[in-house]
Amino acid sequence: MRSRKTSKFPPGFTLIELVVVIALLAILTFTAIPRFINLGQEANIAVINSLKGSLTTAVNLITSKVIIMGLHDNRGVGAKGTPIEFDGMSFTVYNQGVPREIWFDGFEQLIGGDIIYIGAGAGHLEAACPEHICVVDNLKASTVLEGKEGYGIFFFPKGTLLTSNGCFAYYVFQITPQGLLAYKEIGTVSEGC
């Protein structure tokens, strides 16, 4: 009978097997880590796209109600627009049923969620959103959107700033001195997400 040779070392990985395992782990690390790093960016983009959808729905609802009420060609009363009420909610509208860009003038009733009001105007551009979603209203559009006139309301997610290369959803419009709608736009900026 032949005797078996026994080794004093327990069976283990060969050097080639270890190199292959290390190489596979390195490949996984370099492909997986950037994916996890981008999750925060993708989450912020999803938030602002969702807000864009909510803004579109809110603006279209108000405009539709204004058309039904026969005030679509309304030119507003002075710079503040024309106040209207429907379904127990109060809004201010301009020509073509464009709602005013003030958070506490109707938008807070139509856009739900944990939204923190930061304030009105350009004095709030350096404030990072401390939690959830933040809103700045009555902001001159050209402050953060190059080439856009008029005013708007801007929403941005936690940890971001409201800047021209930021991460935000917006609703902006311009009314001419004659009280007519020049343009309105709802969109997003995602460079800083």
Protein backbone atom coordinates (compact mmCIF):
# COMPACT_ATOMS: atom_id res chain seq x y z
CA MET A 1 0.00 0.00 0.00
CA ARG A 2 1.20 3.39 -0.88
CA SER A 3 1.40 6.04 1.73
CA ARG A 4 0.12 9.50 1.15
CA LYS A 5 2.35 12.45 1.57
CA THR A 6 0.92 14.88 4.00
CA SER A 7 1.81 18.51 4.06
CA LYS A 8 2.42 20.34 7.24
CA PHE A 9 0.53 23.37 5.73
CA PRO A 10 -3.26 23.28 5.45
CA PRO A 11 -4.72 23.60 1.92
CA GLY A 12 -5.22 27.24 0.85
CA PHE A 13 -5.19 29.62 -2.08
CA THR A 14 -2.37 29.65 -4.54
CA LEU A 15 -0.68 32.89 -5.41
CA ILE A 16 -2.44 32.96 -8.78
CA GLU A 17 -5.84 32.53 -7.13
CA LEU A 18 -5.13 35.39 -4.71
CA VAL A 19 -4.05 37.68 -7.55
CA VAL A 20 -7.24 36.87 -9.47
CA VAL A 21 -9.43 37.57 -6.41
CA ILE A 22 -7.65 40.86 -5.71
CA ALA A 23 -8.01 41.88 -9.36
CA LEU A 24 -11.75 41.09 -9.30
CA LEU A 25 -12.21 43.08 -6.09
CA ALA A 26 -10.35 46.03 -7.62
CA ILE A 27 -12.56 45.92 -10.72
CA LEU A 28 -15.73 45.78 -8.60
CA THR A 29 -14.48 48.65 -6.44
CA PHE A 30 -13.75 50.91 -9.38
CA THR A 31 -17.09 50.17 -11.04
CA ALA A 32 -19.34 50.11 -7.96
CA ILE A 33 -18.04 53.05 -5.91
CA PRO A 34 -18.78 55.72 -8.54
CA ARG A 35 -22.27 54.28 -8.84
CA PHE A 36 -22.88 54.70 -5.10
CA ILE A 37 -21.37 58.18 -5.14
CA ASN A 38 -23.85 59.19 -7.87
CA LEU A 39 -26.85 58.01 -5.84
CA GLY A 40 -27.03 61.37 -4.03
CA GLN A 41 -26.87 63.22 -7.33
CA GLU A 42 -29.53 60.98 -8.86
CA ALA A 43 -31.74 61.43 -5.79
CA ASN A 44 -31.51 65.21 -6.07
CA ILE A 45 -32.30 65.09 -9.79
CA ALA A 46 -35.31 62.89 -9.05
CA VAL A 47 -36.48 65.40 -6.40
CA ILE A 48 -36.27 68.40 -8.73
CA ASN A 49 -37.94 66.49 -11.58
CA SER A 50 -40.76 65.57 -9.20
CA LEU A 51 -41.06 69.22 -8.15
CA LYS A 52 -41.19 70.25 -11.81
CA GLY A 53 -44.14 67.88 -12.24
CA SER A 54 -45.87 69.31 -9.17
CA LEU A 55 -45.31 72.87 -10.40
CA THR A 56 -46.67 72.01 -13.85
CA THR A 57 -49.78 70.46 -12.31
CA ALA A 58 -50.33 73.42 -9.95
CA VAL A 59 -49.89 76.07 -12.67
CA ASN A 60 -52.14 74.17 -15.11
CA LEU A 61 -54.83 73.69 -12.44
CA ILE A 62 -54.91 77.39 -11.62
CA THR A 63 -54.87 78.39 -15.29
CA SER A 64 -57.74 75.97 -16.03
CA LYS A 65 -59.82 77.36 -13.17
CA VAL A 66 -59.17 80.91 -14.39
CA ILE A 67 -60.36 79.94 -17.90
CA ILE A 68 -63.52 78.39 -16.42
CA MET A 69 -64.11 81.56 -14.39
CA GLY A 70 -63.79 83.68 -17.56
CA LEU A 71 -60.76 85.61 -16.31
CA HIS A 72 -58.24 84.28 -18.84
CA ASP A 73 -57.80 87.66 -20.56
CA ASN A 74 -57.51 89.43 -17.23
CA ARG A 75 -54.67 91.96 -17.10
CA GLY A 76 -54.49 92.04 -13.33
CA VAL A 77 -54.97 94.86 -10.91
CA GLY A 78 -51.66 96.70 -10.72
CA ALA A 79 -48.40 94.88 -10.14
CA LYS A 80 -49.94 92.43 -7.70
CA GLY A 81 -52.39 90.74 -10.07
CA THR A 82 -56.02 89.81 -9.46
CA PRO A 83 -57.05 87.79 -6.41
CA ILE A 84 -59.32 84.79 -7.05
CA GLU A 85 -60.78 82.03 -4.91
CA PHE A 86 -61.91 78.53 -5.75
CA ASP A 87 -62.34 75.31 -3.81
CA GLY A 88 -61.61 77.18 -0.58
CA MET A 89 -58.18 78.30 -1.82
CA SER A 90 -56.95 81.82 -2.57
CA PHE A 91 -54.62 82.74 -5.43
CA THR A 92 -53.44 85.78 -7.33
CA VAL A 93 -53.31 85.58 -11.12
CA TYR A 94 -52.07 87.65 -14.02
CA ASN A 95 -52.91 87.63 -17.73
CA GLN A 96 -53.61 84.19 -19.26
CA GLY A 97 -54.27 82.77 -15.80
CA VAL A 98 -50.62 82.83 -14.78
CA PRO A 99 -50.42 82.42 -11.00
CA ARG A 100 -48.28 84.74 -8.93
CA GLU A 101 -44.90 83.33 -7.86
CA ILE A 102 -45.45 83.76 -4.12
CA TRP A 103 -45.28 80.61 -1.94
CA PHE A 104 -47.96 81.72 0.51
CA ASP A 105 -50.25 82.89 -2.30
CA GLY A 106 -51.56 79.47 -3.27
CA PHE A 107 -48.57 77.27 -4.04
CA GLU A 108 -48.33 76.05 -0.44
CA GLN A 109 -51.88 74.73 -0.86
CA LEU A 110 -51.14 72.79 -4.06
CA ILE A 111 -47.60 71.47 -3.58
CA GLY A 112 -47.37 69.11 -0.65
CA GLY A 113 -44.43 67.75 1.26
CA ASP A 114 -41.90 68.93 3.80
CA ILE A 115 -41.04 72.22 2.15
CA ILE A 116 -39.18 74.89 4.10
CA TYR A 117 -39.80 78.50 3.13
CA ILE A 118 -36.41 80.26 3.04
CA GLY A 119 -37.69 83.69 2.02
CA ALA A 120 -38.28 86.11 -0.83
CA GLY A 121 -35.78 87.67 -3.19
CA ALA A 122 -32.06 87.51 -3.87
CA GLY A 123 -31.04 87.87 -0.22
CA HIS A 124 -31.49 84.12 0.20
CA LEU A 125 -29.16 82.84 -2.54
CA GLU A 126 -26.35 81.88 -0.15
CA ALA A 127 -28.59 79.80 2.11
CA ALA A 128 -28.09 76.05 1.75
CA CYS A 129 -31.25 74.04 2.17
CA PRO A 130 -30.98 72.57 5.70
CA GLU A 131 -33.43 69.70 5.22
CA HIS A 132 -35.93 68.16 2.81
CA ILE A 133 -36.85 70.76 0.16
CA CYS A 134 -36.57 74.56 0.36
CA VAL A 135 -38.31 77.32 -1.56
CA VAL A 136 -37.41 80.92 -2.41
CA ASP A 137 -40.10 83.03 -4.03
CA ASN A 138 -40.44 86.48 -5.61
CA LEU A 139 -36.94 86.14 -7.05
CA LYS A 140 -35.91 87.98 -10.20
CA ALA A 141 -35.46 85.16 -12.75
CA SER A 142 -32.22 86.56 -14.23
CA THR A 143 -30.55 86.14 -10.83
CA VAL A 144 -30.20 82.39 -11.43
CA LEU A 145 -31.42 81.87 -15.02
CA GLU A 146 -29.30 83.73 -17.54
CA GLY A 147 -31.35 85.62 -20.11
CA LYS A 148 -34.69 85.19 -18.31
CA GLU A 149 -36.68 88.23 -17.30
CA GLY A 150 -39.57 88.44 -14.88
CA TYR A 151 -39.89 86.71 -11.54
CA GLY A 152 -40.19 83.19 -10.26
CA ILE A 153 -40.41 80.65 -7.47
CA PHE A 154 -37.53 78.21 -6.99
CA PHE A 155 -37.34 74.86 -5.16
CA PHE A 156 -34.05 73.16 -4.22
CA PRO A 157 -33.19 69.99 -2.26
CA LYS A 158 -31.32 69.50 1.01
CA GLY A 159 -27.65 70.43 0.95
CA THR A 160 -27.79 72.48 -2.26
CA LEU A 161 -27.66 76.20 -3.01
CA LEU A 162 -29.84 78.23 -5.31
CA THR A 163 -27.25 79.38 -7.87
CA SER A 164 -27.05 79.57 -11.65
CA ASN A 165 -25.21 76.23 -11.77
CA GLY A 166 -27.24 74.76 -8.94
CA CYS A 167 -29.85 72.10 -8.46
CA PHE A 168 -33.41 73.41 -8.54
CA ALA A 169 -36.86 73.35 -10.09
CA TYR A 170 -38.45 76.63 -11.08
CA TYR A 171 -41.54 78.42 -12.33
CA VAL A 172 -40.84 81.81 -13.91
CA PHE A 173 -42.85 84.24 -15.99
CA GLN A 174 -42.81 87.82 -17.22
CA ILE A 175 -45.69 90.25 -17.49
CA THR A 176 -45.25 93.24 -19.82
CA PRO A 177 -45.89 96.81 -18.62
CA GLN A 178 -49.24 96.55 -20.44
CA GLY A 179 -50.23 93.62 -18.22
CA LEU A 180 -49.82 90.93 -20.91
CA LEU A 181 -48.02 87.64 -20.47
CA ALA A 182 -44.63 87.71 -22.24
CA TYR A 183 -43.71 84.11 -21.35
CA LYS A 184 -43.96 81.49 -18.63
CA GLU A 185 -41.66 78.53 -18.09
CA ILE A 186 -41.39 75.58 -15.74
CA GLY A 187 -38.11 73.69 -15.68
CA THR A 188 -35.10 72.36 -13.83
CA VAL A 189 -31.38 73.06 -13.52
CA SER A 190 -29.34 70.00 -12.49
CA GLU A 191 -25.66 70.91 -13.00
CA GLY A 192 -25.09 71.33 -9.26
CA CYS A 193 -26.95 68.24 -8.12
